[in-house]
């Protein structure tokens, strides 16, 4: 059985690293970076520089979850604009 986790190499702050995420999180990252007109590497670098603890993969998962959770909440409250 194939693992749902996909390991990819990415350059973060000029350094190559590997990140293991489920395909759904990679897709979420691509969507977010596209909406922000950033490269995937730039977005991962931002997440990396803002994380307080834990590994990078976990920080990315939490970022993606929070991003889409915020958008869902904003959709329920039409007077608030979701953060990009």
C-alpha atoms as a PDB file:
ATOM      1  CA  UNK A   1       0.000   0.000   0.000  1.00  0.00           C
ATOM      2  CA  UNK A   2       1.373   3.401  -1.000  1.00  0.00           C
ATOM      3  CA  UNK A   3       1.932   5.908   1.797  1.00  0.00           C
ATOM      4  CA  UNK A   4      -0.301   8.993   1.679  1.00  0.00           C
ATOM      5  CA  UNK A   5       2.697  11.074   2.779  1.00  0.00           C
ATOM      6  CA  UNK A   6       4.747  12.670   0.004  1.00  0.00           C
ATOM      7  CA  UNK A   7       8.340  13.733   0.656  1.00  0.00           C
ATOM      8  CA  UNK A   8       9.587  16.675  -1.417  1.00  0.00           C
ATOM      9  CA  UNK A   9      12.759  18.715  -1.478  1.00  0.00           C
ATOM     10  CA  UNK A  10      12.361  22.457  -1.104  1.00  0.00           C
ATOM     11  CA  UNK A  11      14.730  25.391  -0.704  1.00  0.00           C
ATOM     12  CA  UNK A  12      14.063  27.403   2.457  1.00  0.00           C
ATOM     13  CA  UNK A  13      16.153  30.518   3.141  1.00  0.00           C
ATOM     14  CA  UNK A  14      18.777  29.309   0.689  1.00  0.00           C
ATOM     15  CA  UNK A  15      19.042  25.823   2.182  1.00  0.00           C
ATOM     16  CA  UNK A  16      17.668  22.645   0.646  1.00  0.00           C
ATOM     17  CA  UNK A  17      15.540  20.544   2.985  1.00  0.00           C
ATOM     18  CA  UNK A  18      13.039  17.714   2.756  1.00  0.00           C
ATOM     19  CA  UNK A  19       9.455  18.048   3.899  1.00  0.00           C
ATOM     20  CA  UNK A  20       7.014  15.155   4.272  1.00  0.00           C
ATOM     21  CA  UNK A  21       3.331  16.061   3.961  1.00  0.00           C
ATOM     22  CA  UNK A  22       0.128  14.454   2.802  1.00  0.00           C
ATOM     23  CA  UNK A  23      -0.848  15.424  -0.755  1.00  0.00           C
ATOM     24  CA  UNK A  24      -3.810  17.461   0.540  1.00  0.00           C
ATOM     25  CA  UNK A  25      -1.421  19.717   2.480  1.00  0.00           C
ATOM     26  CA  UNK A  26       0.851  20.148  -0.559  1.00  0.00           C
ATOM     27  CA  UNK A  27      -2.220  21.131  -2.588  1.00  0.00           C
ATOM     28  CA  UNK A  28      -3.300  23.581   0.121  1.00  0.00           C
ATOM     29  CA  UNK A  29       0.171  25.129   0.177  1.00  0.00           C
ATOM     30  CA  UNK A  30       0.128  25.554  -3.606  1.00  0.00           C
ATOM     31  CA  UNK A  31      -3.276  27.247  -3.431  1.00  0.00           C
ATOM     32  CA  UNK A  32      -2.216  29.608  -0.638  1.00  0.00           C
ATOM     33  CA  UNK A  33       1.079  30.528  -2.282  1.00  0.00           C
ATOM     34  CA  UNK A  34      -0.752  31.207  -5.560  1.00  0.00           C
ATOM     35  CA  UNK A  35      -3.277  33.470  -3.856  1.00  0.00           C
ATOM     36  CA  UNK A  36      -0.425  35.361  -2.185  1.00  0.00           C
ATOM     37  CA  UNK A  37       1.621  35.568  -5.392  1.00  0.00           C
ATOM     38  CA  UNK A  38       4.509  33.797  -3.679  1.00  0.00           C
ATOM     39  CA  UNK A  39       6.552  30.766  -4.543  1.00  0.00           C
ATOM     40  CA  UNK A  40       6.072  27.647  -2.472  1.00  0.00           C
ATOM     41  CA  UNK A  41       9.613  28.126  -1.138  1.00  0.00           C
ATOM     42  CA  UNK A  42       8.828  31.687  -0.039  1.00  0.00           C
ATOM     43  CA  UNK A  43       5.704  30.564   1.799  1.00  0.00           C
ATOM     44  CA  UNK A  44       7.522  27.704   3.530  1.00  0.00           C
ATOM     45  CA  UNK A  45      10.275  30.150   4.493  1.00  0.00           C
ATOM     46  CA  UNK A  46       7.684  32.445   6.066  1.00  0.00           C
ATOM     47  CA  UNK A  47       6.138  29.557   7.990  1.00  0.00           C
ATOM     48  CA  UNK A  48       9.583  28.368   9.085  1.00  0.00           C
ATOM     49  CA  UNK A  49      10.610  31.804  10.363  1.00  0.00           C
ATOM     50  CA  UNK A  50       7.361  32.216  12.328  1.00  0.00           C
ATOM     51  CA  UNK A  51       7.200  28.803  13.991  1.00  0.00           C
ATOM     52  CA  UNK A  52       7.744  28.701  17.712  1.00  0.00           C
ATOM     53  CA  UNK A  53       8.507  25.004  18.117  1.00  0.00           C
ATOM     54  CA  UNK A  54       8.062  21.607  16.552  1.00  0.00           C
ATOM     55  CA  UNK A  55       9.226  20.399  13.192  1.00  0.00           C
ATOM     56  CA  UNK A  56       8.629  22.121   9.877  1.00  0.00           C
ATOM     57  CA  UNK A  57       6.125  19.564   8.593  1.00  0.00           C
ATOM     58  CA  UNK A  58       3.945  20.056  11.664  1.00  0.00           C
ATOM     59  CA  UNK A  59       4.212  23.839  11.385  1.00  0.00           C
ATOM     60  CA  UNK A  60       3.082  23.652   7.746  1.00  0.00           C
ATOM     61  CA  UNK A  61       0.115  21.418   8.596  1.00  0.00           C
ATOM     62  CA  UNK A  62      -0.994  23.806  11.345  1.00  0.00           C
ATOM     63  CA  UNK A  63      -0.569  26.815   9.041  1.00  0.00           C
ATOM     64  CA  UNK A  64      -2.675  25.255   6.276  1.00  0.00           C
ATOM     65  CA  UNK A  65      -5.333  24.142   8.763  1.00  0.00           C
ATOM     66  CA  UNK A  66      -5.517  27.614  10.308  1.00  0.00           C
ATOM     67  CA  UNK A  67      -5.650  29.305   6.894  1.00  0.00           C
ATOM     68  CA  UNK A  68      -8.596  27.282   5.635  1.00  0.00           C
ATOM     69  CA  UNK A  69     -10.328  27.335   9.022  1.00  0.00           C
ATOM     70  CA  UNK A  70     -10.129  31.148   8.986  1.00  0.00           C
ATOM     71  CA  UNK A  71     -11.547  31.248   5.459  1.00  0.00           C
ATOM     72  CA  UNK A  72     -14.405  28.957   6.455  1.00  0.00           C
ATOM     73  CA  UNK A  73     -15.224  31.112   9.479  1.00  0.00           C
ATOM     74  CA  UNK A  74     -15.123  34.256   7.328  1.00  0.00           C
ATOM     75  CA  UNK A  75     -17.551  32.658   4.884  1.00  0.00           C
ATOM     76  CA  UNK A  76     -19.992  32.251   7.767  1.00  0.00           C
ATOM     77  CA  UNK A  77     -19.536  35.926   8.678  1.00  0.00           C
ATOM     78  CA  UNK A  78     -19.859  37.829   5.365  1.00  0.00           C
ATOM     79  CA  UNK A  79     -19.013  41.204   6.978  1.00  0.00           C
ATOM     80  CA  UNK A  80     -15.437  40.005   7.655  1.00  0.00           C
ATOM     81  CA  UNK A  81     -12.828  39.652   4.924  1.00  0.00           C
ATOM     82  CA  UNK A  82     -10.492  36.623   5.204  1.00  0.00           C
ATOM     83  CA  UNK A  83      -6.773  37.319   5.592  1.00  0.00           C
ATOM     84  CA  UNK A  84      -4.650  36.382   2.594  1.00  0.00           C
END
